[in-house]
Amino acid sequence: MMKVLVNRARVHVAMRNKQEGSVLQGTVKANCIGIETRLELESDETPERVAAMVRNAENGCFTMQALLNPAPVTSTVTLNGTSLPVERAS
């Protein structure tokens, strides 16, 4: 673990989404069209150490890495203890 002293940290995250189709007609489709983050830090550390800390934090963040490098998703559904096949939209 890096020992980088941060006096203050503030993060802003914005997610832009789009939804098309109809829930009632079974054609609904949701999309994430972008995520923006802004990290504001105050520290007496050198910019190089702070940058290295941020880089390590982003590289070690499971959520960020899943968004940057999508992984296969496997889903199963059961209804009253029995497997329920659900067709997925392509």
PDB file of N, CA and C in Angstrom:
ATOM      1  N   MET A   1       0.847  -1.177   0.000  1.00  0.00           N
ATOM      2  CA  MET A   1       0.000   0.000   0.000  1.00  0.00           C
ATOM      3  C   MET A   1       0.890   1.238   0.000  1.00  0.00           C
ATOM      4  N   MET A   2       0.523   2.199  -0.802  1.00  0.00           N
ATOM      5  CA  MET A   2       1.275   3.451  -0.842  1.00  0.00           C
ATOM      6  C   MET A   2       0.867   4.318   0.336  1.00  0.00           C
ATOM      7  N   LYS A   3       1.826   4.986   0.902  1.00  0.00           N
ATOM      8  CA  LYS A   3       1.526   5.911   1.993  1.00  0.00           C
ATOM      9  C   LYS A   3       1.643   7.317   1.449  1.00  0.00           C
ATOM     10  N   VAL A   4       0.557   7.798   0.889  1.00  0.00           N
ATOM     11  CA  VAL A   4       0.496   9.139   0.317  1.00  0.00           C
ATOM     12  C   VAL A   4      -0.511   9.926   1.145  1.00  0.00           C
ATOM     13  N   LEU A   5      -0.068  11.016   1.727  1.00  0.00           N
ATOM     14  CA  LEU A   5      -0.947  11.824   2.565  1.00  0.00           C
ATOM     15  C   LEU A   5      -1.818  12.718   1.687  1.00  0.00           C
ATOM     16  N   VAL A   6      -3.116  12.553   1.827  1.00  0.00           N
ATOM     17  CA  VAL A   6      -4.084  13.395   1.117  1.00  0.00           C
ATOM     18  C   VAL A   6      -4.853  14.171   2.182  1.00  0.00           C
ATOM     19  N   ASN A   7      -4.809  15.482   2.090  1.00  0.00           N
ATOM     20  CA  ASN A   7      -5.484  16.327   3.078  1.00  0.00           C
ATOM     21  C   ASN A   7      -6.978  16.439   2.806  1.00  0.00           C
ATOM     22  N   ARG A   8      -7.332  16.396   1.538  1.00  0.00           N
ATOM     23  CA  ARG A   8      -8.743  16.545   1.177  1.00  0.00           C
ATOM     24  C   ARG A   8      -8.962  15.868  -0.175  1.00  0.00           C
ATOM     25  N   ALA A   9     -10.094  15.205  -0.297  1.00  0.00           N
ATOM     26  CA  ALA A   9     -10.441  14.551  -1.557  1.00  0.00           C
ATOM     27  C   ALA A   9     -11.925  14.737  -1.823  1.00  0.00           C
ATOM     28  N   ARG A  10     -12.227  15.013  -3.060  1.00  0.00           N
ATOM     29  CA  ARG A  10     -13.622  15.148  -3.467  1.00  0.00           C
ATOM     30  C   ARG A  10     -13.727  14.525  -4.855  1.00  0.00           C
ATOM     31  N   VAL A  11     -14.753  13.701  -5.059  1.00  0.00           N
ATOM     32  CA  VAL A  11     -14.934  13.065  -6.360  1.00  0.00           C
ATOM     33  C   VAL A  11     -16.341  13.365  -6.867  1.00  0.00           C
ATOM     34  N   HIS A  12     -16.419  13.621  -8.150  1.00  0.00           N
ATOM     35  CA  HIS A  12     -17.695  13.854  -8.821  1.00  0.00           C
ATOM     36  C   HIS A  12     -17.804  12.794  -9.919  1.00  0.00           C
ATOM     37  N   VAL A  13     -18.941  12.144  -9.987  1.00  0.00           N
ATOM     38  CA  VAL A  13     -19.164  11.127 -11.012  1.00  0.00           C
ATOM     39  C   VAL A  13     -20.479  11.446 -11.707  1.00  0.00           C
ATOM     40  N   ALA A  14     -20.445  11.458 -13.029  1.00  0.00           N
ATOM     41  CA  ALA A  14     -21.667  11.672 -13.818  1.00  0.00           C
ATOM     42  C   ALA A  14     -21.771  10.530 -14.818  1.00  0.00           C
ATOM     43  N   MET A  15     -22.963   9.988 -14.932  1.00  0.00           N
ATOM     44  CA  MET A  15     -23.214   8.892 -15.861  1.00  0.00           C
ATOM     45  C   MET A  15     -24.305   9.336 -16.820  1.00  0.00           C
ATOM     46  N   ARG A  16     -24.010   9.208 -18.118  1.00  0.00           N
ATOM     47  CA  ARG A  16     -25.003   9.559 -19.130  1.00  0.00           C
ATOM     48  C   ARG A  16     -25.622   8.267 -19.654  1.00  0.00           C
ATOM     49  N   ASN A  17     -26.943   8.218 -19.642  1.00  0.00           N
ATOM     50  CA  ASN A  17     -27.674   7.022 -20.035  1.00  0.00           C
ATOM     51  C   ASN A  17     -28.659   7.332 -21.140  1.00  0.00           C
ATOM     52  N   LYS A  18     -29.045   6.282 -21.844  1.00  0.00           N
ATOM     53  CA  LYS A  18     -30.055   6.399 -22.883  1.00  0.00           C
ATOM     54  C   LYS A  18     -30.962   5.186 -22.760  1.00  0.00           C
ATOM     55  N   GLN A  19     -32.260   5.399 -22.925  1.00  0.00           N
ATOM     56  CA  GLN A  19     -33.219   4.301 -22.897  1.00  0.00           C
ATOM     57  C   GLN A  19     -34.118   4.417 -24.111  1.00  0.00           C
ATOM     58  N   GLU A  20     -34.330   3.297 -24.773  1.00  0.00           N
ATOM     59  CA  GLU A  20     -35.172   3.249 -25.959  1.00  0.00           C
ATOM     60  C   GLU A  20     -36.208   2.152 -25.790  1.00  0.00           C
ATOM     61  N   GLY A  21     -37.215   2.184 -26.642  1.00  0.00           N
ATOM     62  CA  GLY A  21     -38.216   1.126 -26.661  1.00  0.00           C
ATOM     63  C   GLY A  21     -39.268   1.285 -25.590  1.00  0.00           C
ATOM     64  N   SER A  22     -40.011   0.202 -25.391  1.00  0.00           N
ATOM     65  CA  SER A  22     -41.158   0.228 -24.490  1.00  0.00           C
ATOM     66  C   SER A  22     -41.113  -0.958 -23.531  1.00  0.00           C
ATOM     67  N   VAL A  23     -41.297  -0.669 -22.247  1.00  0.00           N
ATOM     68  CA  VAL A  23     -41.402  -1.741 -21.256  1.00  0.00           C
ATOM     69  C   VAL A  23     -42.648  -2.573 -21.552  1.00  0.00           C
ATOM     70  N   LEU A  24     -43.763  -1.906 -21.852  1.00  0.00           N
ATOM     71  CA  LEU A  24     -45.017  -2.619 -22.096  1.00  0.00           C
ATOM     72  C   LEU A  24     -44.950  -3.511 -23.324  1.00  0.00           C
ATOM     73  N   GLN A  25     -44.201  -3.094 -24.340  1.00  0.00           N
ATOM     74  CA  GLN A  25     -44.085  -3.898 -25.559  1.00  0.00           C
ATOM     75  C   GLN A  25     -42.905  -4.878 -25.501  1.00  0.00           C
ATOM     76  N   GLY A  26     -42.137  -4.837 -24.423  1.00  0.00           N
ATOM     77  CA  GLY A  26     -41.001  -5.747 -24.275  1.00  0.00           C
ATOM     78  C   GLY A  26     -39.816  -5.396 -25.141  1.00  0.00           C
ATOM     79  N   THR A  27     -39.714  -4.138 -25.555  1.00  0.00           N
ATOM     80  CA  THR A  27     -38.621  -3.715 -26.434  1.00  0.00           C
ATOM     81  C   THR A  27     -37.655  -2.745 -25.759  1.00  0.00           C
ATOM     82  N   VAL A  28     -37.768  -2.598 -24.457  1.00  0.00           N
ATOM     83  CA  VAL A  28     -36.934  -1.635 -23.745  1.00  0.00           C
ATOM     84  C   VAL A  28     -35.462  -2.027 -23.840  1.00  0.00           C
ATOM     85  N   LYS A  29     -34.622  -1.026 -24.018  1.00  0.00           N
ATOM     86  CA  LYS A  29     -33.173  -1.239 -24.062  1.00  0.00           C
ATOM     87  C   LYS A  29     -32.501  -0.025 -23.435  1.00  0.00           C
ATOM     88  N   ALA A  30     -31.682  -0.287 -22.433  1.00  0.00           N
ATOM     89  CA  ALA A  30     -30.957   0.786 -21.742  1.00  0.00           C
ATOM     90  C   ALA A  30     -29.495   0.735 -22.137  1.00  0.00           C
ATOM     91  N   ASN A  31     -28.886   1.891 -22.278  1.00  0.00           N
ATOM     92  CA  ASN A  31     -27.471   1.995 -22.615  1.00  0.00           C
ATOM     93  C   ASN A  31     -26.805   3.065 -21.763  1.00  0.00           C
ATOM     94  N   CYS A  32     -25.593   2.774 -21.358  1.00  0.00           N
ATOM     95  CA  CYS A  32     -24.743   3.790 -20.747  1.00  0.00           C
ATOM     96  C   CYS A  32     -23.915   4.368 -21.891  1.00  0.00           C
ATOM     97  N   ILE A  33     -24.025   5.654 -22.104  1.00  0.00           N
ATOM     98  CA  ILE A  33     -23.294   6.263 -23.223  1.00  0.00           C
ATOM     99  C   ILE A  33     -22.053   7.030 -22.757  1.00  0.00           C
ATOM    100  N   GLY A  34     -21.828   7.051 -21.458  1.00  0.00           N
ATOM    101  CA  GLY A  34     -20.599   7.676 -20.989  1.00  0.00           C
ATOM    102  C   GLY A  34     -20.590   7.881 -19.489  1.00  0.00           C
ATOM    103  N   ILE A  35     -19.401   7.833 -18.925  1.00  0.00           N
ATOM    104  CA  ILE A  35     -19.196   8.096 -17.504  1.00  0.00           C
ATOM    105  C   ILE A  35     -18.051   9.094 -17.403  1.00  0.00           C
ATOM    106  N   GLU A  36     -18.258  10.118 -16.612  1.00  0.00           N
ATOM    107  CA  GLU A  36     -17.231  11.135 -16.401  1.00  0.00           C
ATOM    108  C   GLU A  36     -16.914  11.203 -14.912  1.00  0.00           C
ATOM    109  N   THR A  37     -15.635  11.214 -14.577  1.00  0.00           N
ATOM    110  CA  THR A  37     -15.230  11.381 -13.190  1.00  0.00           C
ATOM    111  C   THR A  37     -14.308  12.588 -13.077  1.00  0.00           C
ATOM    112  N   ARG A  38     -14.383  13.251 -11.956  1.00  0.00           N
ATOM    113  CA  ARG A  38     -13.479  14.366 -11.651  1.00  0.00           C
ATOM    114  C   ARG A  38     -13.024  14.188 -10.208  1.00  0.00           C
ATOM    115  N   LEU A  39     -11.742  14.016 -10.008  1.00  0.00           N
ATOM    116  CA  LEU A  39     -11.168  13.826  -8.682  1.00  0.00           C
ATOM    117  C   LEU A  39     -10.386  15.073  -8.309  1.00  0.00           C
ATOM    118  N   GLU A  40     -10.768  15.709  -7.218  1.00  0.00           N
ATOM    119  CA  GLU A  40     -10.103  16.916  -6.732  1.00  0.00           C
ATOM    120  C   GLU A  40      -9.356  16.560  -5.453  1.00  0.00           C
ATOM    121  N   LEU A  41      -8.053  16.726  -5.474  1.00  0.00           N
ATOM    122  CA  LEU A  41      -7.215  16.362  -4.335  1.00  0.00           C
ATOM    123  C   LEU A  41      -6.438  17.564  -3.826  1.00  0.00           C
ATOM    124  N   GLU A  42      -6.200  17.572  -2.530  1.00  0.00           N
ATOM    125  CA  GLU A  42      -5.282  18.531  -1.909  1.00  0.00           C
ATOM    126  C   GLU A  42      -4.263  17.713  -1.129  1.00  0.00           C
ATOM    127  N   SER A  43      -2.988  17.946  -1.412  1.00  0.00           N
ATOM    128  CA  SER A  43      -1.926  17.170  -0.777  1.00  0.00           C
ATOM    129  C   SER A  43      -0.622  17.949  -0.860  1.00  0.00           C
ATOM    130  N   ASP A  44       0.243  17.725   0.121  1.00  0.00           N
ATOM    131  CA  ASP A  44       1.577  18.311   0.100  1.00  0.00           C
ATOM    132  C   ASP A  44       2.580  17.381  -0.584  1.00  0.00           C
ATOM    133  N   GLU A  45       2.126  16.212  -1.017  1.00  0.00           N
ATOM    134  CA  GLU A  45       2.989  15.255  -1.710  1.00  0.00           C
ATOM    135  C   GLU A  45       3.346  15.788  -3.093  1.00  0.00           C
ATOM    136  N   THR A  46       4.357  15.207  -3.700  1.00  0.00           N
ATOM    137  CA  THR A  46       4.751  15.627  -5.047  1.00  0.00           C
ATOM    138  C   THR A  46       3.678  15.191  -6.046  1.00  0.00           C
ATOM    139  N   PRO A  47       3.521  15.946  -7.123  1.00  0.00           N
ATOM    140  CA  PRO A  47       2.554  15.545  -8.143  1.00  0.00           C
ATOM    141  C   PRO A  47       2.801  14.128  -8.670  1.00  0.00           C
ATOM    142  N   GLU A  48       4.068  13.716  -8.753  1.00  0.00           N
ATOM    143  CA  GLU A  48       4.382  12.376  -9.247  1.00  0.00           C
ATOM    144  C   GLU A  48       3.860  11.289  -8.311  1.00  0.00           C
ATOM    145  N   ARG A  49       3.999  11.496  -7.003  1.00  0.00           N
ATOM    146  CA  ARG A  49       3.496  10.500  -6.038  1.00  0.00           C
ATOM    147  C   ARG A  49       1.975  10.450  -6.045  1.00  0.00           C
ATOM    148  N   VAL A  50       1.347  11.611  -6.131  1.00  0.00           N
ATOM    149  CA  VAL A  50      -0.121  11.639  -6.165  1.00  0.00           C
ATOM    150  C   VAL A  50      -0.632  10.973  -7.446  1.00  0.00           C
ATOM    151  N   ALA A  51       0.021  11.262  -8.568  1.00  0.00           N
ATOM    152  CA  ALA A  51      -0.372  10.648  -9.838  1.00  0.00           C
ATOM    153  C   ALA A  51      -0.207   9.132  -9.766  1.00  0.00           C
ATOM    154  N   ALA A  52       0.876   8.659  -9.154  1.00  0.00           N
ATOM    155  CA  ALA A  52       1.093   7.216  -9.014  1.00  0.00           C
ATOM    156  C   ALA A  52       0.015   6.588  -8.142  1.00  0.00           C
ATOM    157  N   MET A  53      -0.379   7.291  -7.078  1.00  0.00           N
ATOM    158  CA  MET A  53      -1.436   6.785  -6.201  1.00  0.00           C
ATOM    159  C   MET A  53      -2.759   6.683  -6.958  1.00  0.00           C
ATOM    160  N   VAL A  54      -3.099   7.723  -7.719  1.00  0.00           N
ATOM    161  CA  VAL A  54      -4.351   7.715  -8.484  1.00  0.00           C
ATOM    162  C   VAL A  54      -4.321   6.596  -9.516  1.00  0.00           C
ATOM    163  N   ARG A  55      -3.208   6.449 -10.200  1.00  0.00           N
ATOM    164  CA  ARG A  55      -3.069   5.391 -11.206  1.00  0.00           C
ATOM    165  C   ARG A  55      -3.267   4.016 -10.561  1.00  0.00           C
ATOM    166  N   ASN A  56      -2.639   3.771  -9.414  1.00  0.00           N
ATOM    167  CA  ASN A  56      -2.798   2.503  -8.707  1.00  0.00           C
ATOM    168  C   ASN A  56      -4.240   2.281  -8.265  1.00  0.00           C
ATOM    169  N   ALA A  57      -4.867   3.343  -7.772  1.00  0.00           N
ATOM    170  CA  ALA A  57      -6.256   3.222  -7.323  1.00  0.00           C
ATOM    171  C   ALA A  57      -7.170   2.866  -8.490  1.00  0.00           C
ATOM    172  N   GLU A  58      -6.986   3.515  -9.630  1.00  0.00           N
ATOM    173  CA  GLU A  58      -7.828   3.226 -10.799  1.00  0.00           C
ATOM    174  C   GLU A  58      -7.545   1.830 -11.342  1.00  0.00           C
ATOM    175  N   ASN A  59      -6.272   1.446 -11.394  1.00  0.00           N
ATOM    176  CA  ASN A  59      -5.932   0.117 -11.898  1.00  0.00           C
ATOM    177  C   ASN A  59      -6.404  -0.994 -10.971  1.00  0.00           C
ATOM    178  N   GLY A  60      -6.550  -0.697  -9.683  1.00  0.00           N
ATOM    179  CA  GLY A  60      -7.000  -1.689  -8.714  1.00  0.00           C
ATOM    180  C   GLY A  60      -8.489  -1.634  -8.416  1.00  0.00           C
ATOM    181  N   CYS A  61      -9.210  -0.784  -9.124  1.00  0.00           N
ATOM    182  CA  CYS A  61     -10.657  -0.631  -8.885  1.00  0.00           C
ATOM    183  C   CYS A  61     -11.424  -1.612  -9.776  1.00  0.00           C
ATOM    184  N   PHE A  62     -12.081  -2.587  -9.170  1.00  0.00           N
ATOM    185  CA  PHE A  62     -12.814  -3.593  -9.927  1.00  0.00           C
ATOM    186  C   PHE A  62     -13.908  -2.972 -10.787  1.00  0.00           C
ATOM    187  N   THR A  63     -14.610  -1.989 -10.258  1.00  0.00           N
ATOM    188  CA  THR A  63     -15.703  -1.370 -11.017  1.00  0.00           C
ATOM    189  C   THR A  63     -15.165  -0.635 -12.234  1.00  0.00           C
ATOM    190  N   MET A  64     -14.143   0.171 -12.056  1.00  0.00           N
ATOM    191  CA  MET A  64     -13.594   0.913 -13.190  1.00  0.00           C
ATOM    192  C   MET A  64     -13.053  -0.050 -14.246  1.00  0.00           C
ATOM    193  N   GLN A  65     -12.371  -1.092 -13.815  1.00  0.00           N
ATOM    194  CA  GLN A  65     -11.809  -2.035 -14.771  1.00  0.00           C
ATOM    195  C   GLN A  65     -12.900  -2.825 -15.503  1.00  0.00           C
ATOM    196  N   ALA A  66     -14.001  -3.124 -14.824  1.00  0.00           N
ATOM    197  CA  ALA A  66     -15.104  -3.816 -15.494  1.00  0.00           C
ATOM    198  C   ALA A  66     -15.747  -2.925 -16.548  1.00  0.00           C
ATOM    199  N   LEU A  67     -15.773  -1.630 -16.309  1.00  0.00           N
ATOM    200  CA  LEU A  67     -16.323  -0.707 -17.291  1.00  0.00           C
ATOM    201  C   LEU A  67     -15.366  -0.493 -18.463  1.00  0.00           C
ATOM    202  N   LEU A  68     -14.083  -0.413 -18.188  1.00  0.00           N
ATOM    203  CA  LEU A  68     -13.089  -0.199 -19.235  1.00  0.00           C
ATOM    204  C   LEU A  68     -12.825  -1.457 -20.056  1.00  0.00           C
ATOM    205  N   ASN A  69     -12.913  -2.611 -19.408  1.00  0.00           N
ATOM    206  CA  ASN A  69     -12.624  -3.898 -20.045  1.00  0.00           C
ATOM    207  C   ASN A  69     -13.779  -4.850 -19.748  1.00  0.00           C
ATOM    208  N   PRO A  70     -14.898  -4.700 -20.448  1.00  0.00           N
ATOM    209  CA  PRO A  70     -16.087  -5.489 -20.107  1.00  0.00           C
ATOM    210  C   PRO A  70     -15.798  -6.991 -20.046  1.00  0.00           C
ATOM    211  N   ALA A  71     -16.382  -7.613 -19.056  1.00  0.00           N
ATOM    212  CA  ALA A  71     -16.244  -9.049 -18.844  1.00  0.00           C
ATOM    213  C   ALA A  71     -17.560  -9.738 -19.210  1.00  0.00           C
ATOM    214  N   PRO A  72     -17.487 -11.017 -19.580  1.00  0.00           N
ATOM    215  CA  PRO A  72     -18.726 -11.741 -19.871  1.00  0.00           C
ATOM    216  C   PRO A  72     -19.628 -11.780 -18.633  1.00  0.00           C
ATOM    217  N   VAL A  73     -20.921 -11.713 -18.870  1.00  0.00           N
ATOM    218  CA  VAL A  73     -21.903 -11.780 -17.796  1.00  0.00           C
ATOM    219  C   VAL A  73     -22.726 -13.050 -17.990  1.00  0.00           C
ATOM    220  N   THR A  74     -22.816 -13.849 -16.948  1.00  0.00           N
ATOM    221  CA  THR A  74     -23.624 -15.061 -16.977  1.00  0.00           C
ATOM    222  C   THR A  74     -24.761 -14.880 -15.989  1.00  0.00           C
ATOM    223  N   SER A  75     -25.988 -15.114 -16.452  1.00  0.00           N
ATOM    224  CA  SER A  75     -27.151 -14.941 -15.584  1.00  0.00           C
ATOM    225  C   SER A  75     -27.995 -16.209 -15.592  1.00  0.00           C
ATOM    226  N   THR A  76     -28.529 -16.525 -14.428  1.00  0.00           N
ATOM    227  CA  THR A  76     -29.515 -17.601 -14.325  1.00  0.00           C
ATOM    228  C   THR A  76     -30.714 -17.055 -13.571  1.00  0.00           C
ATOM    229  N   VAL A  77     -31.881 -17.579 -13.897  1.00  0.00           N
ATOM    230  CA  VAL A  77     -33.117 -17.155 -13.237  1.00  0.00           C
ATOM    231  C   VAL A  77     -33.845 -18.406 -12.775  1.00  0.00           C
ATOM    232  N   THR A  78     -34.333 -18.373 -11.543  1.00  0.00           N
ATOM    233  CA  THR A  78     -35.191 -19.455 -11.064  1.00  0.00           C
ATOM    234  C   THR A  78     -36.520 -18.864 -10.638  1.00  0.00           C
ATOM    235  N   LEU A  79     -37.569 -19.640 -10.825  1.00  0.00           N
ATOM    236  CA  LEU A  79     -38.914 -19.262 -10.401  1.00  0.00           C
ATOM    237  C   LEU A  79     -39.447 -20.398  -9.548  1.00  0.00           C
ATOM    238  N   ASN A  80     -39.710 -20.116  -8.294  1.00  0.00           N
ATOM    239  CA  ASN A  80     -40.197 -21.125  -7.352  1.00  0.00           C
ATOM    240  C   ASN A  80     -39.272 -22.330  -7.322  1.00  0.00           C
ATOM    241  N   GLY A  81     -37.967 -22.089  -7.392  1.00  0.00           N
ATOM    242  CA  GLY A  81     -36.975 -23.149  -7.302  1.00  0.00           C
ATOM    243  C   GLY A  81     -36.695 -23.878  -8.611  1.00  0.00           C
ATOM    244  N   THR A  82     -37.375 -23.505  -9.681  1.00  0.00           N
ATOM    245  CA  THR A  82     -37.186 -24.163 -10.971  1.00  0.00           C
ATOM    246  C   THR A  82     -36.547 -23.179 -11.945  1.00  0.00           C
ATOM    247  N   SER A  83     -35.629 -23.692 -12.767  1.00  0.00           N
ATOM    248  CA  SER A  83     -34.963 -22.854 -13.762  1.00  0.00           C
ATOM    249  C   SER A  83     -35.998 -22.221 -14.683  1.00  0.00           C
ATOM    250  N   LEU A  84     -35.820 -20.926 -14.940  1.00  0.00           N
ATOM    251  CA  LEU A  84     -36.718 -20.200 -15.829  1.00  0.00           C
ATOM    252  C   LEU A  84     -35.892 -19.653 -16.987  1.00  0.00           C
ATOM    253  N   PRO A  85     -36.047 -20.234 -18.196  1.00  0.00           N
ATOM    254  CA  PRO A  85     -35.321 -19.694 -19.344  1.00  0.00           C
ATOM    255  C   PRO A  85     -35.858 -18.310 -19.710  1.00  0.00           C
ATOM    256  N   VAL A  86     -34.959 -17.361 -19.891  1.00  0.00           N
ATOM    257  CA  VAL A  86     -35.324 -16.010 -20.286  1.00  0.00           C
ATOM    258  C   VAL A  86     -34.477 -15.651 -21.507  1.00  0.00           C
ATOM    259  N   GLU A  87     -35.129 -15.375 -22.626  1.00  0.00           N
ATOM    260  CA  GLU A  87     -34.394 -14.974 -23.812  1.00  0.00           C
ATOM    261  C   GLU A  87     -33.826 -13.580 -23.600  1.00  0.00           C
ATOM    262  N   ARG A  88     -32.575 -13.435 -23.924  1.00  0.00           N
ATOM    263  CA  ARG A  88     -31.904 -12.152 -23.791  1.00  0.00           C
ATOM    264  C   ARG A  88     -31.909 -11.453 -25.137  1.00  0.00           C
ATOM    265  N   ALA A  89     -32.105 -10.159 -25.106  1.00  0.00           N
ATOM    266  CA  ALA A  89     -32.010  -9.363 -26.346  1.00  0.00           C
ATOM    267  C   ALA A  89     -30.555  -9.338 -26.785  1.00  0.00           C
ATOM    268  N   SER A  90     -30.335  -9.300 -28.066  1.00  0.00           N
ATOM    269  CA  SER A  90     -28.951  -9.274 -28.566  1.00  0.00           C
ATOM    270  C   SER A  90     -28.424  -7.867 -28.573  1.00  0.00           C
TER     271      SER A  90
END
